[in-house]
């Protein structure tokens, strides 16, 4: 019986290597630092009224720029 697919023998089992102590310590330390950094910044800083208005103006300006650029690209096509 012929087939277009080839039948491969099963892969040879990979040799299990032990992870070094230094690698395990580095992984544990890295994970601890990531968890600590995310846990300590749970309170957002308060933003005063002027800063909020400035951020809102900047956001509206960006949106206007995107709309103008989109309209220009549509006209260009």
N, C-alpha and C. Protein backbone atom coordinates (compact mmCIF):
# COMPACT_ATOMS: atom_id res chain seq x y z
N UNK A 1 0.84 -1.17 0.00
CA UNK A 1 0.00 0.00 0.00
C UNK A 1 0.89 1.24 0.00
N UNK A 2 0.70 2.12 -0.96
CA UNK A 2 1.54 3.31 -1.05
C UNK A 2 0.81 4.50 -0.47
N UNK A 3 1.59 5.42 0.04
CA UNK A 3 1.01 6.63 0.62
C UNK A 3 1.93 7.79 0.32
N UNK A 4 1.33 8.97 0.17
CA UNK A 4 2.16 10.14 -0.10
C UNK A 4 2.87 10.65 1.14
N UNK A 5 2.35 10.29 2.29
CA UNK A 5 3.01 10.71 3.52
C UNK A 5 4.04 9.68 3.92
N UNK A 6 5.08 10.14 4.49
CA UNK A 6 6.10 9.21 4.95
C UNK A 6 5.87 8.93 6.42
N UNK A 7 6.12 7.75 6.81
CA UNK A 7 5.96 7.36 8.21
C UNK A 7 7.32 7.44 8.87
N UNK A 8 7.38 8.25 9.90
CA UNK A 8 8.66 8.42 10.60
C UNK A 8 8.68 7.55 11.84
N UNK A 9 9.85 7.06 12.19
CA UNK A 9 9.93 6.32 13.44
C UNK A 9 9.72 7.28 14.61
N UNK A 10 9.24 6.81 15.73
CA UNK A 10 9.04 7.69 16.88
C UNK A 10 10.35 8.32 17.32
N UNK A 11 10.24 9.56 17.82
CA UNK A 11 11.45 10.27 18.25
C UNK A 11 12.11 9.53 19.41
N UNK A 12 13.42 9.61 19.40
CA UNK A 12 14.18 9.01 20.50
C UNK A 12 13.96 9.90 21.73
N UNK A 13 13.75 9.28 22.85
CA UNK A 13 13.50 10.05 24.06
C UNK A 13 14.69 10.95 24.37
N UNK A 14 14.38 12.21 24.65
CA UNK A 14 15.43 13.17 24.97
C UNK A 14 15.99 12.86 26.35
N UNK A 15 17.26 13.08 26.48
CA UNK A 15 17.91 12.84 27.76
C UNK A 15 17.53 13.97 28.70
N UNK A 16 17.05 13.63 29.86
CA UNK A 16 16.67 14.66 30.83
C UNK A 16 17.92 15.20 31.50
N UNK A 17 18.04 16.53 31.42
CA UNK A 17 19.18 17.17 32.07
C UNK A 17 18.70 17.87 33.32
N UNK A 18 19.50 17.83 34.34
CA UNK A 18 19.13 18.49 35.58
C UNK A 18 19.43 19.98 35.46
N UNK A 19 18.57 20.79 36.06
CA UNK A 19 18.75 22.23 36.07
C UNK A 19 19.70 22.58 37.21
N UNK A 20 20.66 23.44 36.91
CA UNK A 20 21.65 23.77 37.93
C UNK A 20 21.02 24.60 39.05
N UNK A 21 21.66 24.57 40.18
CA UNK A 21 21.18 25.33 41.34
C UNK A 21 21.17 26.82 41.04
N UNK A 22 22.19 27.30 40.35
CA UNK A 22 22.25 28.73 40.02
C UNK A 22 21.07 29.13 39.13
N UNK A 23 20.70 28.29 38.16
CA UNK A 23 19.56 28.60 37.30
C UNK A 23 18.26 28.60 38.09
N UNK A 24 18.11 27.66 39.01
CA UNK A 24 16.88 27.62 39.81
C UNK A 24 16.78 28.84 40.72
N UNK A 25 17.89 29.26 41.31
CA UNK A 25 17.89 30.45 42.17
C UNK A 25 17.57 31.69 41.34
N UNK A 26 18.17 31.81 40.16
CA UNK A 26 17.93 32.96 39.30
C UNK A 26 16.46 33.02 38.87
N UNK A 27 15.88 31.89 38.54
CA UNK A 27 14.48 31.86 38.14
C UNK A 27 13.59 32.26 39.31
N UNK A 28 13.85 31.73 40.48
CA UNK A 28 13.04 32.07 41.66
C UNK A 28 13.17 33.56 42.00
N UNK A 29 14.39 34.09 41.94
CA UNK A 29 14.62 35.50 42.22
C UNK A 29 13.92 36.39 41.19
N UNK A 30 14.02 36.03 39.92
CA UNK A 30 13.38 36.81 38.87
C UNK A 30 11.87 36.83 39.02
N UNK A 31 11.28 35.68 39.30
CA UNK A 31 9.83 35.63 39.49
C UNK A 31 9.42 36.43 40.71
N UNK A 32 10.19 36.37 41.77
CA UNK A 32 9.87 37.15 42.97
C UNK A 32 9.91 38.64 42.69
N UNK A 33 10.90 39.09 41.93
CA UNK A 33 11.00 40.50 41.59
C UNK A 33 9.83 40.95 40.72
N UNK A 34 9.42 40.12 39.77
CA UNK A 34 8.29 40.47 38.92
C UNK A 34 7.02 40.59 39.76
N UNK A 35 6.78 39.62 40.62
CA UNK A 35 5.58 39.65 41.47
C UNK A 35 5.62 40.85 42.40
N UNK A 36 6.77 41.13 42.98
CA UNK A 36 6.90 42.26 43.91
C UNK A 36 6.65 43.58 43.18
N UNK A 37 7.21 43.73 41.97
CA UNK A 37 7.06 44.99 41.25
C UNK A 37 5.62 45.24 40.84
N UNK A 38 4.88 44.19 40.53
CA UNK A 38 3.48 44.39 40.16
C UNK A 38 2.59 44.62 41.36
N UNK A 39 2.98 44.08 42.51
CA UNK A 39 2.15 44.20 43.70
C UNK A 39 2.29 45.55 44.37
N UNK A 40 3.44 46.21 44.20
CA UNK A 40 3.67 47.45 44.93
C UNK A 40 3.13 48.68 44.23
N UNK A 41 2.66 48.57 43.00
CA UNK A 41 2.18 49.74 42.27
C UNK A 41 0.68 49.67 42.03
N UNK A 42 -0.09 49.35 43.05
CA UNK A 42 -1.51 49.19 42.85
C UNK A 42 -2.30 50.49 43.01
N UNK A 43 -1.69 51.53 43.56
CA UNK A 43 -2.40 52.80 43.76
C UNK A 43 -1.98 53.77 42.66
N UNK A 44 -2.95 54.28 41.91
CA UNK A 44 -2.64 55.24 40.85
C UNK A 44 -2.43 56.61 41.46
N UNK A 45 -1.47 57.36 40.97
CA UNK A 45 -1.25 58.70 41.51
C UNK A 45 -2.42 59.62 41.16
N UNK A 46 -2.69 60.53 42.06
CA UNK A 46 -3.78 61.48 41.79
C UNK A 46 -3.30 62.52 40.78
N UNK A 47 -4.22 62.91 39.89
CA UNK A 47 -3.88 63.87 38.84
C UNK A 47 -4.70 65.13 39.09
N UNK A 48 -4.02 66.26 39.12
CA UNK A 48 -4.73 67.52 39.37
C UNK A 48 -5.54 67.94 38.14
N UNK A 49 -6.39 68.93 38.29
CA UNK A 49 -7.33 69.34 37.25
C UNK A 49 -6.61 69.84 36.00
N UNK A 50 -5.57 70.66 36.17
CA UNK A 50 -4.84 71.19 35.00
C UNK A 50 -4.16 70.08 34.21
N UNK A 51 -3.56 69.13 34.90
CA UNK A 51 -2.91 68.02 34.21
C UNK A 51 -3.94 67.19 33.45
N UNK A 52 -5.09 66.96 34.07
CA UNK A 52 -6.16 66.21 33.40
C UNK A 52 -6.63 66.94 32.15
N UNK A 53 -6.80 68.27 32.22
CA UNK A 53 -7.21 69.04 31.04
C UNK A 53 -6.15 68.98 29.95
N UNK A 54 -4.87 69.08 30.34
CA UNK A 54 -3.79 69.02 29.35
C UNK A 54 -3.76 67.65 28.66
N UNK A 55 -3.90 66.59 29.43
CA UNK A 55 -3.92 65.25 28.84
C UNK A 55 -5.11 65.06 27.91
N UNK A 56 -6.26 65.61 28.28
CA UNK A 56 -7.44 65.52 27.43
C UNK A 56 -7.24 66.28 26.12
N UNK A 57 -6.63 67.49 26.21
CA UNK A 57 -6.34 68.25 24.99
C UNK A 57 -5.37 67.49 24.09
N UNK A 58 -4.33 66.90 24.69
CA UNK A 58 -3.36 66.15 23.89
C UNK A 58 -4.01 64.95 23.23
N UNK A 59 -4.91 64.27 23.94
CA UNK A 59 -5.61 63.12 23.36
C UNK A 59 -6.50 63.56 22.19
N UNK A 60 -7.23 64.65 22.38
CA UNK A 60 -8.08 65.14 21.29
C UNK A 60 -7.25 65.57 20.08
N UNK A 61 -6.09 66.18 20.34
CA UNK A 61 -5.22 66.58 19.24
C UNK A 61 -4.70 65.37 18.47
N UNK A 62 -4.33 64.31 19.19
CA UNK A 62 -3.88 63.09 18.53
C UNK A 62 -4.99 62.48 17.68
N UNK A 63 -6.20 62.44 18.24
CA UNK A 63 -7.33 61.88 17.48
C UNK A 63 -7.61 62.72 16.23
N UNK A 64 -7.54 64.04 16.36
CA UNK A 64 -7.75 64.91 15.20
C UNK A 64 -6.68 64.66 14.14
N UNK A 65 -5.43 64.54 14.59
CA UNK A 65 -4.34 64.27 13.65
C UNK A 65 -4.56 62.95 12.92
N UNK A 66 -5.01 61.92 13.64
CA UNK A 66 -5.28 60.62 13.01
C UNK A 66 -6.39 60.74 11.97
N UNK A 67 -7.45 61.47 12.32
CA UNK A 67 -8.56 61.63 11.37
C UNK A 67 -8.12 62.38 10.11
N UNK A 68 -7.33 63.44 10.29
CA UNK A 68 -6.84 64.20 9.13
C UNK A 68 -5.92 63.33 8.28
N UNK A 69 -5.05 62.58 8.93
CA UNK A 69 -4.14 61.72 8.19
C UNK A 69 -4.92 60.63 7.45
N UNK A 70 -5.94 60.06 8.09
CA UNK A 70 -6.76 59.05 7.44
C UNK A 70 -7.48 59.63 6.23
N UNK A 71 -8.05 60.84 6.38
CA UNK A 71 -8.73 61.48 5.25
C UNK A 71 -7.76 61.76 4.11
N UNK A 72 -6.55 62.22 4.45
CA UNK A 72 -5.55 62.49 3.42
C UNK A 72 -5.16 61.22 2.68
N UNK A 73 -5.03 60.10 3.42
CA UNK A 73 -4.66 58.83 2.78
C UNK A 73 -5.79 58.36 1.86
N UNK A 74 -7.05 58.58 2.27
CA UNK A 74 -8.17 58.17 1.42
C UNK A 74 -8.21 59.00 0.14
N UNK A 75 -7.92 60.31 0.24
CA UNK A 75 -7.90 61.15 -0.94
C UNK A 75 -6.71 60.80 -1.85
N UNK A 76 -5.61 60.40 -1.24
CA UNK A 76 -4.41 60.10 -2.01
C UNK A 76 -4.62 58.86 -2.88
N UNK A 77 -5.39 57.88 -2.36
CA UNK A 77 -5.64 56.67 -3.14
C UNK A 77 -6.48 57.01 -4.28
